[in-house]
PDB file of N, CA and C in Angstrom:
ATOM      1  N   VAL A   1     -29.255 -55.160 -99.669  1.00  0.00           N
ATOM      2  CA  VAL A   1     -29.874 -55.376 -98.503  1.00  0.00           C
ATOM      3  C   VAL A   1     -30.522 -54.010 -97.771  1.00  0.00           C
ATOM      4  N   ASN A   2     -31.627 -54.346 -96.931  1.00  0.00           N
ATOM      5  CA  ASN A   2     -32.030 -53.500 -96.218  1.00  0.00           C
ATOM      6  C   ASN A   2     -31.499 -52.946 -94.865  1.00  0.00           C
ATOM      7  N   THR A   3     -30.579 -52.003 -94.880  1.00  0.00           N
ATOM      8  CA  THR A   3     -29.521 -51.721 -94.174  1.00  0.00           C
ATOM      9  C   THR A   3     -30.390 -51.191 -92.446  1.00  0.00           C
ATOM     10  N   ASP A   4     -31.480 -50.548 -92.915  1.00  0.00           N
ATOM     11  CA  ASP A   4     -32.357 -50.333 -91.412  1.00  0.00           C
ATOM     12  C   ASP A   4     -32.509 -51.787 -90.776  1.00  0.00           C
ATOM     13  N   SER A   5     -32.400 -52.845 -91.133  1.00  0.00           N
ATOM     14  CA  SER A   5     -32.785 -54.003 -90.512  1.00  0.00           C
ATOM     15  C   SER A   5     -31.457 -54.721 -89.902  1.00  0.00           C
ATOM     16  N   PHE A   6     -30.244 -54.280 -90.339  1.00  0.00           N
ATOM     17  CA  PHE A   6     -29.189 -54.597 -90.163  1.00  0.00           C
ATOM     18  C   PHE A   6     -28.693 -54.921 -88.675  1.00  0.00           C
ATOM     19  N   ASP A   7     -28.418 -55.835 -87.984  1.00  0.00           N
ATOM     20  CA  ASP A   7     -28.180 -56.301 -86.906  1.00  0.00           C
ATOM     21  C   ASP A   7     -26.607 -56.873 -86.623  1.00  0.00           C
ATOM     22  N   PRO A   8     -25.682 -55.925 -86.048  1.00  0.00           N
ATOM     23  CA  PRO A   8     -24.202 -56.748 -86.192  1.00  0.00           C
ATOM     24  C   PRO A   8     -24.113 -57.730 -85.189  1.00  0.00           C
ATOM     25  N   GLN A   9     -24.933 -57.584 -84.316  1.00  0.00           N
ATOM     26  CA  GLN A   9     -24.834 -58.672 -82.676  1.00  0.00           C
ATOM     27  C   GLN A   9     -25.101 -59.960 -83.646  1.00  0.00           C
ATOM     28  N   GLN A  10     -25.454 -60.266 -84.897  1.00  0.00           N
ATOM     29  CA  GLN A  10     -25.969 -61.451 -85.143  1.00  0.00           C
ATOM     30  C   GLN A  10     -24.837 -62.119 -85.938  1.00  0.00           C
ATOM     31  N   ILE A  11     -23.607 -61.371 -86.201  1.00  0.00           N
ATOM     32  CA  ILE A  11     -22.307 -61.715 -86.755  1.00  0.00           C
ATOM     33  C   ILE A  11     -21.305 -62.387 -85.744  1.00  0.00           C
ATOM     34  N   THR A  12     -20.888 -63.604 -85.861  1.00  0.00           N
ATOM     35  CA  THR A  12     -19.748 -64.245 -85.144  1.00  0.00           C
ATOM     36  C   THR A  12     -18.807 -64.400 -86.046  1.00  0.00           C
ATOM     37  N   LEU A  13     -17.429 -63.842 -85.476  1.00  0.00           N
ATOM     38  CA  LEU A  13     -16.186 -64.043 -85.889  1.00  0.00           C
ATOM     39  C   LEU A  13     -15.592 -65.402 -85.202  1.00  0.00           C
ATOM     40  N   GLN A  14     -14.959 -66.132 -86.223  1.00  0.00           N
ATOM     41  CA  GLN A  14     -14.475 -67.585 -85.589  1.00  0.00           C
ATOM     42  C   GLN A  14     -12.840 -67.719 -86.254  1.00  0.00           C
ATOM     43  N   GLN A  15     -12.134 -68.158 -85.281  1.00  0.00           N
ATOM     44  CA  GLN A  15     -10.984 -68.329 -85.836  1.00  0.00           C
ATOM     45  C   GLN A  15     -10.659 -69.543 -86.833  1.00  0.00           C
ATOM     46  N   THR A  16     -11.202 -70.328 -86.929  1.00  0.00           N
ATOM     47  CA  THR A  16     -11.502 -71.608 -87.803  1.00  0.00           C
ATOM     48  C   THR A  16     -12.803 -71.823 -88.342  1.00  0.00           C
ATOM     49  N   LYS A  17     -12.994 -72.671 -89.216  1.00  0.00           N
ATOM     50  CA  LYS A  17     -14.127 -72.833 -89.827  1.00  0.00           C
ATOM     51  C   LYS A  17     -14.940 -73.838 -89.300  1.00  0.00           C
ATOM     52  N   SER A  18     -14.650 -74.923 -88.616  1.00  0.00           N
ATOM     53  CA  SER A  18     -15.411 -75.749 -87.888  1.00  0.00           C
ATOM     54  C   SER A  18     -14.520 -76.873 -87.185  1.00  0.00           C
ATOM     55  N   PRO A  19     -14.599 -77.158 -85.761  1.00  0.00           N
ATOM     56  CA  PRO A  19     -15.384 -76.605 -85.038  1.00  0.00           C
ATOM     57  C   PRO A  19     -14.500 -75.323 -84.821  1.00  0.00           C
ATOM     58  N   PRO A  20     -15.135 -74.219 -84.374  1.00  0.00           N
ATOM     59  CA  PRO A  20     -14.359 -72.870 -84.268  1.00  0.00           C
ATOM     60  C   PRO A  20     -13.451 -73.095 -82.631  1.00  0.00           C
ATOM     61  N   ALA A  21     -11.900 -72.953 -83.016  1.00  0.00           N
ATOM     62  CA  ALA A  21     -11.455 -72.981 -81.848  1.00  0.00           C
ATOM     63  C   ALA A  21     -11.471 -71.530 -80.870  1.00  0.00           C
ATOM     64  N   ALA A  22     -11.939 -70.504 -81.397  1.00  0.00           N
ATOM     65  CA  ALA A  22     -12.198 -69.303 -80.839  1.00  0.00           C
ATOM     66  C   ALA A  22     -13.117 -68.736 -81.710  1.00  0.00           C
ATOM     67  N   SER A  23     -14.142 -68.109 -80.755  1.00  0.00           N
ATOM     68  CA  SER A  23     -15.050 -67.350 -81.747  1.00  0.00           C
ATOM     69  C   SER A  23     -15.552 -65.817 -80.601  1.00  0.00           C
ATOM     70  N   LEU A  24     -16.109 -64.975 -81.374  1.00  0.00           N
ATOM     71  CA  LEU A  24     -16.563 -63.769 -80.617  1.00  0.00           C
ATOM     72  C   LEU A  24     -17.911 -63.422 -81.419  1.00  0.00           C
ATOM     73  N   GLN A  25     -19.015 -63.286 -80.854  1.00  0.00           N
ATOM     74  CA  GLN A  25     -20.175 -62.557 -81.270  1.00  0.00           C
ATOM     75  C   GLN A  25     -20.075 -61.160 -81.204  1.00  0.00           C
ATOM     76  N   LEU A  26     -20.226 -60.540 -82.375  1.00  0.00           N
ATOM     77  CA  LEU A  26     -20.154 -58.954 -82.233  1.00  0.00           C
ATOM     78  C   LEU A  26     -21.264 -58.304 -81.278  1.00  0.00           C
ATOM     79  N   SER A  27     -20.521 -57.263 -80.462  1.00  0.00           N
ATOM     80  CA  SER A  27     -21.459 -57.046 -79.592  1.00  0.00           C
ATOM     81  C   SER A  27     -22.229 -55.486 -80.218  1.00  0.00           C
ATOM     82  N   GLY A  28     -22.097 -55.152 -81.346  1.00  0.00           N
ATOM     83  CA  GLY A  28     -22.545 -54.078 -81.999  1.00  0.00           C
ATOM     84  C   GLY A  28     -21.430 -53.691 -83.121  1.00  0.00           C
ATOM     85  N   GLY A  29     -21.684 -52.294 -83.662  1.00  0.00           N
ATOM     86  CA  GLY A  29     -20.808 -51.726 -84.470  1.00  0.00           C
ATOM     87  C   GLY A  29     -21.413 -50.570 -85.184  1.00  0.00           C
ATOM     88  N   ASN A  30     -20.783 -49.682 -85.984  1.00  0.00           N
ATOM     89  CA  ASN A  30     -21.204 -48.684 -86.667  1.00  0.00           C
ATOM     90  C   ASN A  30     -21.129 -49.465 -88.297  1.00  0.00           C
ATOM     91  N   PHE A  31     -22.168 -48.785 -88.930  1.00  0.00           N
ATOM     92  CA  PHE A  31     -22.028 -49.479 -90.163  1.00  0.00           C
ATOM     93  C   PHE A  31     -22.658 -48.389 -91.261  1.00  0.00           C
ATOM     94  N   THR A  32     -22.496 -48.477 -92.549  1.00  0.00           N
ATOM     95  CA  THR A  32     -22.910 -47.780 -93.707  1.00  0.00           C
ATOM     96  C   THR A  32     -24.428 -47.757 -93.619  1.00  0.00           C
ATOM     97  N   SER A  33     -25.039 -46.619 -94.027  1.00  0.00           N
ATOM     98  CA  SER A  33     -26.479 -46.676 -93.844  1.00  0.00           C
ATOM     99  C   SER A  33     -27.227 -46.376 -95.043  1.00  0.00           C
ATOM    100  N   GLU A  34     -26.494 -46.760 -96.452  1.00  0.00           N
ATOM    101  CA  GLU A  34     -27.094 -46.959 -97.629  1.00  0.00           C
ATOM    102  C   GLU A  34     -27.655 -48.210 -98.123  1.00  0.00           C
ATOM    103  N   ASN A  35     -28.586 -48.544 -98.494  1.00  0.00           N
ATOM    104  CA  ASN A  35     -29.158 -49.732 -99.010  1.00  0.00           C
ATOM    105  C   ASN A  35     -28.467 -49.855-100.059  1.00  0.00           C
ATOM    106  N   SER A  36     -27.690 -51.386-100.094  1.00  0.00           N
ATOM    107  CA  SER A  36     -26.774 -51.849-101.409  1.00  0.00           C
ATOM    108  C   SER A  36     -26.791 -53.037-100.872  1.00  0.00           C
ATOM    109  N   THR A  37     -25.870 -53.938-101.780  1.00  0.00           N
ATOM    110  CA  THR A  37     -25.514 -55.243-101.608  1.00  0.00           C
ATOM    111  C   THR A  37     -24.036 -55.085-100.596  1.00  0.00           C
ATOM    112  N   ASN A  38     -23.569 -54.552-100.243  1.00  0.00           N
ATOM    113  CA  ASN A  38     -22.322 -54.441 -99.223  1.00  0.00           C
ATOM    114  C   ASN A  38     -22.952 -53.554 -98.065  1.00  0.00           C
ATOM    115  N   ILE A  39     -22.244 -53.701 -97.090  1.00  0.00           N
ATOM    116  CA  ILE A  39     -22.300 -53.166 -95.618  1.00  0.00           C
ATOM    117  C   ILE A  39     -20.768 -53.342 -94.986  1.00  0.00           C
ATOM    118  N   THR A  40     -20.481 -52.137 -94.671  1.00  0.00           N
ATOM    119  CA  THR A  40     -19.140 -52.041 -94.174  1.00  0.00           C
ATOM    120  C   THR A  40     -19.474 -51.621 -92.592  1.00  0.00           C
ATOM    121  N   ILE A  41     -18.698 -52.385 -91.929  1.00  0.00           N
ATOM    122  CA  ILE A  41     -18.781 -52.446 -90.476  1.00  0.00           C
ATOM    123  C   ILE A  41     -17.571 -51.670 -89.726  1.00  0.00           C
ATOM    124  N   THR A  42     -17.717 -50.990 -88.798  1.00  0.00           N
ATOM    125  CA  THR A  42     -16.367 -50.520 -88.124  1.00  0.00           C
ATOM    126  C   THR A  42     -16.907 -51.119 -86.723  1.00  0.00           C
ATOM    127  N   LEU A  43     -15.977 -51.695 -86.183  1.00  0.00           N
ATOM    128  CA  LEU A  43     -16.201 -52.654 -84.901  1.00  0.00           C
ATOM    129  C   LEU A  43     -16.000 -51.575 -83.768  1.00  0.00           C
ATOM    130  N   LEU A  44     -17.120 -52.225 -82.702  1.00  0.00           N
ATOM    131  CA  LEU A  44     -16.809 -51.353 -81.660  1.00  0.00           C
ATOM    132  C   LEU A  44     -15.474 -51.270 -80.777  1.00  0.00           C
ATOM    133  N   ASP A  45     -14.971 -50.743 -80.133  1.00  0.00           N
ATOM    134  CA  ASP A  45     -13.691 -50.843 -79.214  1.00  0.00           C
ATOM    135  C   ASP A  45     -14.080 -52.011 -78.539  1.00  0.00           C
ATOM    136  N   TYR A  46     -14.994 -52.278 -77.811  1.00  0.00           N
ATOM    137  CA  TYR A  46     -15.138 -53.552 -77.114  1.00  0.00           C
ATOM    138  C   TYR A  46     -14.575 -54.513 -77.738  1.00  0.00           C
ATOM    139  N   ASP A  47     -15.131 -54.942 -79.025  1.00  0.00           N
ATOM    140  CA  ASP A  47     -14.895 -56.208 -80.000  1.00  0.00           C
ATOM    141  C   ASP A  47     -13.352 -55.914 -79.904  1.00  0.00           C
ATOM    142  N   LEU A  48     -13.056 -54.847 -80.787  1.00  0.00           N
ATOM    143  CA  LEU A  48     -11.358 -54.757 -81.254  1.00  0.00           C
ATOM    144  C   LEU A  48     -10.792 -55.280 -79.916  1.00  0.00           C
ATOM    145  N   ASN A  49     -11.091 -54.904 -78.921  1.00  0.00           N
ATOM    146  CA  ASN A  49      -9.878 -55.458 -77.722  1.00  0.00           C
ATOM    147  C   ASN A  49     -10.309 -56.770 -77.256  1.00  0.00           C
ATOM    148  N   LYS A  50     -11.208 -57.381 -77.368  1.00  0.00           N
ATOM    149  CA  LYS A  50     -11.545 -58.624 -77.247  1.00  0.00           C
ATOM    150  C   LYS A  50     -10.871 -59.652 -78.280  1.00  0.00           C
ATOM    151  N   ILE A  51     -10.973 -59.315 -79.547  1.00  0.00           N
ATOM    152  CA  ILE A  51      -9.916 -59.653 -80.631  1.00  0.00           C
ATOM    153  C   ILE A  51      -8.492 -59.794 -80.239  1.00  0.00           C
ATOM    154  N   LYS A  52      -8.093 -58.783 -79.700  1.00  0.00           N
ATOM    155  CA  LYS A  52      -6.746 -58.457 -79.468  1.00  0.00           C
ATOM    156  C   LYS A  52      -6.084 -59.170 -78.366  1.00  0.00           C
ATOM    157  N   GLU A  53      -7.165 -59.750 -77.471  1.00  0.00           N
ATOM    158  CA  GLU A  53      -6.853 -60.539 -76.300  1.00  0.00           C
ATOM    159  C   GLU A  53      -7.126 -61.632 -76.727  1.00  0.00           C
ATOM    160  N   MET A  54      -7.472 -62.252 -77.882  1.00  0.00           N
ATOM    161  CA  MET A  54      -7.581 -63.490 -78.378  1.00  0.00           C
ATOM    162  C   MET A  54      -6.416 -63.979 -79.287  1.00  0.00           C
ATOM    163  N   SER A  55      -5.368 -63.062 -79.492  1.00  0.00           N
ATOM    164  CA  SER A  55      -4.320 -63.098 -80.338  1.00  0.00           C
ATOM    165  C   SER A  55      -3.831 -64.427 -80.371  1.00  0.00           C
ATOM    166  N   PRO A  56      -3.466 -64.934 -81.408  1.00  0.00           N
ATOM    167  CA  PRO A  56      -3.318 -64.838 -82.956  1.00  0.00           C
ATOM    168  C   PRO A  56      -4.638 -64.567 -83.672  1.00  0.00           C
ATOM    169  N   PHE A  57      -5.877 -64.917 -83.103  1.00  0.00           N
ATOM    170  CA  PHE A  57      -7.135 -64.692 -83.699  1.00  0.00           C
ATOM    171  C   PHE A  57      -7.389 -63.637 -84.618  1.00  0.00           C
ATOM    172  N   PHE A  58      -7.527 -63.710 -86.029  1.00  0.00           N
ATOM    173  CA  PHE A  58      -7.780 -62.572 -86.426  1.00  0.00           C
ATOM    174  C   PHE A  58      -6.699 -61.805 -86.938  1.00  0.00           C
ATOM    175  N   ASN A  59      -5.421 -62.182 -86.714  1.00  0.00           N
ATOM    176  CA  ASN A  59      -4.412 -61.562 -87.387  1.00  0.00           C
ATOM    177  C   ASN A  59      -4.265 -61.379 -89.042  1.00  0.00           C
ATOM    178  N   ASP A  60      -4.545 -62.643 -89.425  1.00  0.00           N
ATOM    179  CA  ASP A  60      -4.380 -62.748 -90.813  1.00  0.00           C
ATOM    180  C   ASP A  60      -5.876 -63.420 -91.312  1.00  0.00           C
ATOM    181  N   SER A  61      -5.930 -63.413 -92.585  1.00  0.00           N
ATOM    182  CA  SER A  61      -7.312 -63.838 -93.557  1.00  0.00           C
ATOM    183  C   SER A  61      -7.195 -65.505 -93.028  1.00  0.00           C
ATOM    184  N   SER A  62      -6.146 -66.218 -92.886  1.00  0.00           N
ATOM    185  CA  SER A  62      -6.145 -67.535 -92.777  1.00  0.00           C
ATOM    186  C   SER A  62      -6.797 -67.641 -91.494  1.00  0.00           C
ATOM    187  N   ARG A  63      -6.879 -66.792 -90.615  1.00  0.00           N
ATOM    188  CA  ARG A  63      -7.539 -67.255 -89.040  1.00  0.00           C
ATOM    189  C   ARG A  63      -8.711 -66.309 -88.949  1.00  0.00           C
ATOM    190  N   ALA A  64      -9.694 -66.246 -90.112  1.00  0.00           N
ATOM    191  CA  ALA A  64     -10.401 -65.166 -90.247  1.00  0.00           C
ATOM    192  C   ALA A  64     -11.784 -65.893 -90.835  1.00  0.00           C
ATOM    193  N   PHE A  65     -13.023 -66.127 -89.915  1.00  0.00           N
ATOM    194  CA  PHE A  65     -13.950 -66.751 -90.514  1.00  0.00           C
ATOM    195  C   PHE A  65     -15.153 -65.866 -90.174  1.00  0.00           C
ATOM    196  N   VAL A  66     -16.351 -65.980 -90.730  1.00  0.00           N
ATOM    197  CA  VAL A  66     -17.502 -65.146 -90.295  1.00  0.00           C
ATOM    198  C   VAL A  66     -18.476 -66.209 -90.469  1.00  0.00           C
ATOM    199  N   SER A  67     -19.417 -66.200 -89.435  1.00  0.00           N
ATOM    200  CA  SER A  67     -20.884 -67.076 -89.490  1.00  0.00           C
ATOM    201  C   SER A  67     -21.989 -65.793 -89.428  1.00  0.00           C
ATOM    202  N   LEU A  68     -23.028 -66.098 -89.746  1.00  0.00           N
ATOM    203  CA  LEU A  68     -24.145 -65.184 -89.710  1.00  0.00           C
ATOM    204  C   LEU A  68     -25.642 -65.686 -89.801  1.00  0.00           C
ATOM    205  N   SER A  69     -26.149 -65.345 -88.517  1.00  0.00           N
ATOM    206  CA  SER A  69     -27.495 -65.733 -88.419  1.00  0.00           C
ATOM    207  C   SER A  69     -28.691 -65.349 -89.380  1.00  0.00           C
ATOM    208  N   ASN A  70     -29.625 -65.873 -89.191  1.00  0.00           N
ATOM    209  CA  ASN A  70     -30.518 -65.507 -90.204  1.00  0.00           C
ATOM    210  C   ASN A  70     -31.367 -64.165 -89.980  1.00  0.00           C
ATOM    211  N   GLU A  71     -31.181 -63.812 -88.724  1.00  0.00           N
ATOM    212  CA  GLU A  71     -31.466 -62.130 -88.134  1.00  0.00           C
ATOM    213  C   GLU A  71     -30.413 -61.267 -88.688  1.00  0.00           C
ATOM    214  N   THR A  72     -29.469 -61.850 -89.457  1.00  0.00           N
ATOM    215  CA  THR A  72     -28.495 -60.337 -89.612  1.00  0.00           C
ATOM    216  C   THR A  72     -29.011 -59.362 -90.439  1.00  0.00           C
ATOM    217  N   VAL A  73     -29.640 -59.794 -91.337  1.00  0.00           N
ATOM    218  CA  VAL A  73     -30.594 -58.908 -92.012  1.00  0.00           C
ATOM    219  C   VAL A  73     -31.463 -59.205 -93.045  1.00  0.00           C
ATOM    220  N   LEU A  74     -32.239 -58.204 -93.466  1.00  0.00           N
ATOM    221  CA  LEU A  74     -33.171 -58.489 -94.509  1.00  0.00           C
ATOM    222  C   LEU A  74     -32.934 -57.766 -95.736  1.00  0.00           C
ATOM    223  N   ASP A  75     -33.634 -58.770 -96.810  1.00  0.00           N
ATOM    224  CA  ASP A  75     -33.562 -58.194 -98.154  1.00  0.00           C
ATOM    225  C   ASP A  75     -34.508 -57.082 -98.481  1.00  0.00           C
ATOM    226  N   MET A  76     -34.555 -56.550 -99.586  1.00  0.00           N
ATOM    227  CA  MET A  76     -35.431 -55.340 -99.996  1.00  0.00           C
ATOM    228  C   MET A  76     -36.813 -55.952-100.063  1.00  0.00           C
ATOM    229  N   SER A  77     -36.784 -56.990-100.109  1.00  0.00           N
ATOM    230  CA  SER A  77     -38.297 -57.597-100.211  1.00  0.00           C
ATOM    231  C   SER A  77     -38.935 -58.011 -98.520  1.00  0.00           C
ATOM    232  N   GLY A  78     -37.918 -57.870 -97.548  1.00  0.00           N
ATOM    233  CA  GLY A  78     -38.315 -58.448 -96.329  1.00  0.00           C
ATOM    234  C   GLY A  78     -38.135 -59.778 -95.956  1.00  0.00           C
ATOM    235  N   ASN A  79     -37.338 -60.314 -96.687  1.00  0.00           N
ATOM    236  CA  ASN A  79     -37.075 -61.895 -96.481  1.00  0.00           C
ATOM    237  C   ASN A  79     -35.554 -61.769 -95.706  1.00  0.00           C
ATOM    238  N   ASN A  80     -35.464 -63.124 -94.946  1.00  0.00           N
ATOM    239  CA  ASN A  80     -34.410 -63.045 -94.034  1.00  0.00           C
ATOM    240  C   ASN A  80     -33.137 -63.486 -94.949  1.00  0.00           C
ATOM    241  N   LEU A  81     -32.063 -63.550 -94.422  1.00  0.00           N
ATOM    242  CA  LEU A  81     -30.690 -63.613 -94.796  1.00  0.00           C
ATOM    243  C   LEU A  81     -30.948 -65.068 -94.590  1.00  0.00           C
ATOM    244  N   THR A  82     -29.995 -66.081 -95.693  1.00  0.00           N
ATOM    245  CA  THR A  82     -29.882 -67.527 -95.550  1.00  0.00           C
ATOM    246  C   THR A  82     -28.755 -67.621 -94.616  1.00  0.00           C
ATOM    247  N   PRO A  83     -28.958 -68.283 -93.361  1.00  0.00           N
ATOM    248  CA  PRO A  83     -27.875 -68.173 -92.213  1.00  0.00           C
ATOM    249  C   PRO A  83     -26.603 -68.907 -93.080  1.00  0.00           C
ATOM    250  N   VAL A  84     -25.511 -68.464 -92.483  1.00  0.00           N
ATOM    251  CA  VAL A  84     -24.142 -68.882 -92.750  1.00  0.00           C
ATOM    252  C   VAL A  84     -23.834 -69.643 -91.365  1.00  0.00           C
ATOM    253  N   LEU A  85     -23.880 -70.964 -91.172  1.00  0.00           N
ATOM    254  CA  LEU A  85     -23.626 -71.646 -90.076  1.00  0.00           C
ATOM    255  C   LEU A  85     -22.144 -71.794 -89.802  1.00  0.00           C
ATOM    256  N   THR A  86     -21.930 -72.005 -88.480  1.00  0.00           N
ATOM    257  CA  THR A  86     -20.664 -72.400 -88.192  1.00  0.00           C
ATOM    258  C   THR A  86     -19.773 -73.083 -88.722  1.00  0.00           C
ATOM    259  N   ASP A  87     -20.160 -74.012 -88.868  1.00  0.00           N
ATOM    260  CA  ASP A  87     -19.581 -75.059 -90.018  1.00  0.00           C
ATOM    261  C   ASP A  87     -19.333 -74.763 -91.289  1.00  0.00           C
ATOM    262  N   SER A  88     -20.112 -73.653 -91.594  1.00  0.00           N
ATOM    263  CA  SER A  88     -19.952 -73.478 -93.154  1.00  0.00           C
ATOM    264  C   SER A  88     -19.522 -71.852 -93.218  1.00  0.00           C
ATOM    265  N   ALA A  89     -18.975 -71.415 -92.258  1.00  0.00           N
ATOM    266  CA  ALA A  89     -18.478 -69.978 -92.229  1.00  0.00           C
ATOM    267  C   ALA A  89     -17.752 -69.698 -93.499  1.00  0.00           C
ATOM    268  N   PHE A  90     -17.504 -68.549 -93.661  1.00  0.00           N
ATOM    269  CA  PHE A  90     -16.572 -68.377 -94.826  1.00  0.00           C
ATOM    270  C   PHE A  90     -15.781 -67.447 -94.556  1.00  0.00           C
ATOM    271  N   ARG A  91     -14.286 -67.458 -95.122  1.00  0.00           N
ATOM    272  CA  ARG A  91     -13.328 -66.887 -94.857  1.00  0.00           C
ATOM    273  C   ARG A  91     -13.452 -65.200 -95.115  1.00  0.00           C
ATOM    274  N   VAL A  92     -12.879 -64.490 -94.512  1.00  0.00           N
ATOM    275  CA  VAL A  92     -12.636 -63.133 -94.989  1.00  0.00           C
ATOM    276  C   VAL A  92     -11.716 -62.812 -96.209  1.00  0.00           C
ATOM    277  N   SER A  93     -11.898 -61.740 -96.907  1.00  0.00           N
ATOM    278  CA  SER A  93     -11.149 -61.729 -97.978  1.00  0.00           C
ATOM    279  C   SER A  93      -9.732 -60.841 -97.716  1.00  0.00           C
ATOM    280  N   SER A  94      -9.792 -60.079 -96.473  1.00  0.00           N
ATOM    281  CA  SER A  94      -8.734 -59.317 -96.061  1.00  0.00           C
ATOM    282  C   SER A  94      -8.602 -59.005 -94.576  1.00  0.00           C
ATOM    283  N   VAL A  95      -7.563 -58.901 -93.703  1.00  0.00           N
ATOM    284  CA  VAL A  95      -7.920 -58.152 -92.614  1.00  0.00           C
ATOM    285  C   VAL A  95      -6.776 -56.903 -92.517  1.00  0.00           C
ATOM    286  N   ILE A  96      -7.249 -56.165 -91.709  1.00  0.00           N
ATOM    287  CA  ILE A  96      -6.602 -54.755 -91.805  1.00  0.00           C
ATOM    288  C   ILE A  96      -5.809 -54.597 -90.191  1.00  0.00           C
ATOM    289  N   SER A  97      -4.525 -54.743 -90.322  1.00  0.00           N
ATOM    290  CA  SER A  97      -3.830 -54.684 -89.187  1.00  0.00           C
ATOM    291  C   SER A  97      -4.148 -53.574 -88.156  1.00  0.00           C
ATOM    292  N   ASP A  98      -3.950 -53.364 -86.981  1.00  0.00           N
ATOM    293  CA  ASP A  98      -4.181 -52.332 -86.346  1.00  0.00           C
ATOM    294  C   ASP A  98      -2.509 -51.728 -85.864  1.00  0.00           C
ATOM    295  N   ASN A  99      -2.257 -50.849 -86.442  1.00  0.00           N
ATOM    296  CA  ASN A  99      -1.123 -50.357 -86.355  1.00  0.00           C
ATOM    297  C   ASN A  99      -0.916 -48.885 -85.092  1.00  0.00           C
ATOM    298  N   VAL A 100      -2.118 -48.695 -84.685  1.00  0.00           N
ATOM    299  CA  VAL A 100      -2.182 -47.390 -83.839  1.00  0.00           C
ATOM    300  C   VAL A 100      -1.739 -47.913 -82.677  1.00  0.00           C
ATOM    301  N   SER A 101      -0.817 -46.887 -82.154  1.00  0.00           N
ATOM    302  CA  SER A 101      -0.216 -47.016 -80.756  1.00  0.00           C
ATOM    303  C   SER A 101      -1.330 -46.667 -79.510  1.00  0.00           C
ATOM    304  N   PRO A 102      -1.243 -47.307 -78.656  1.00  0.00           N
ATOM    305  CA  PRO A 102      -2.085 -47.066 -77.654  1.00  0.00           C
ATOM    306  C   PRO A 102      -1.844 -45.517 -76.703  1.00  0.00           C
ATOM    307  N   GLU A 103      -2.788 -44.788 -76.550  1.00  0.00           N
ATOM    308  CA  GLU A 103      -2.597 -43.902 -75.741  1.00  0.00           C
ATOM    309  C   GLU A 103      -3.248 -43.553 -74.373  1.00  0.00           C
ATOM    310  N   LEU A 104      -2.872 -43.086 -73.624  1.00  0.00           N
ATOM    311  CA  LEU A 104      -3.627 -43.018 -72.049  1.00  0.00           C
ATOM    312  C   LEU A 104      -4.576 -41.798 -72.447  1.00  0.00           C
ATOM    313  N   ALA A 105      -5.765 -42.598 -71.808  1.00  0.00           N
ATOM    314  CA  ALA A 105      -7.055 -41.522 -72.085  1.00  0.00           C
ATOM    315  C   ALA A 105      -7.164 -40.792 -70.678  1.00  0.00           C
ATOM    316  N   SER A 106      -6.903 -41.359 -69.469  1.00  0.00           N
ATOM    317  CA  SER A 106      -6.890 -40.609 -68.299  1.00  0.00           C
ATOM    318  C   SER A 106      -6.135 -41.609 -66.922  1.00  0.00           C
ATOM    319  N   PHE A 107      -5.957 -40.642 -66.113  1.00  0.00           N
ATOM    320  CA  PHE A 107      -5.265 -41.129 -65.088  1.00  0.00           C
ATOM    321  C   PHE A 107      -6.077 -40.427 -63.783  1.00  0.00           C
ATOM    322  N   ASP A 108      -5.448 -41.286 -62.278  1.00  0.00           N
ATOM    323  CA  ASP A 108      -5.945 -40.491 -61.343  1.00  0.00           C
ATOM    324  C   ASP A 108      -5.089 -40.725 -60.002  1.00  0.00           C
ATOM    325  N   PHE A 109      -4.791 -39.967 -59.290  1.00  0.00           N
ATOM    326  CA  PHE A 109      -3.778 -39.904 -58.097  1.00  0.00           C
ATOM    327  C   PHE A 109      -4.655 -40.419 -56.842  1.00  0.00           C
ATOM    328  N   ASP A 110      -4.417 -40.986 -56.263  1.00  0.00           N
ATOM    329  CA  ASP A 110      -4.863 -41.171 -54.745  1.00  0.00           C
ATOM    330  C   ASP A 110      -4.317 -40.711 -53.712  1.00  0.00           C
TER     331      ASP A 110
END
């Protein structure tokens, strides 16, 4: 795929295949920049926090599906992705748990 055309905002995470009981359209993300058949996305903190708020959403692969719009990415010939619609969402292969304890970033006294 042509990673220059990749738009993570065209990806929706779903708790179920259809109809999704809960869903989250990504607000962005960092991803690999090499043209390849695979793209690895690092989610933004905003999206990670939204997923945690929606627990047990995406706690394991049985509750983790992905749908994609046709504008998610182009192939190397400039063709749009065939969309993966909500009712055809695919199950993710694995979910990596967040085992990092929270840290206080800042505070202020009034």
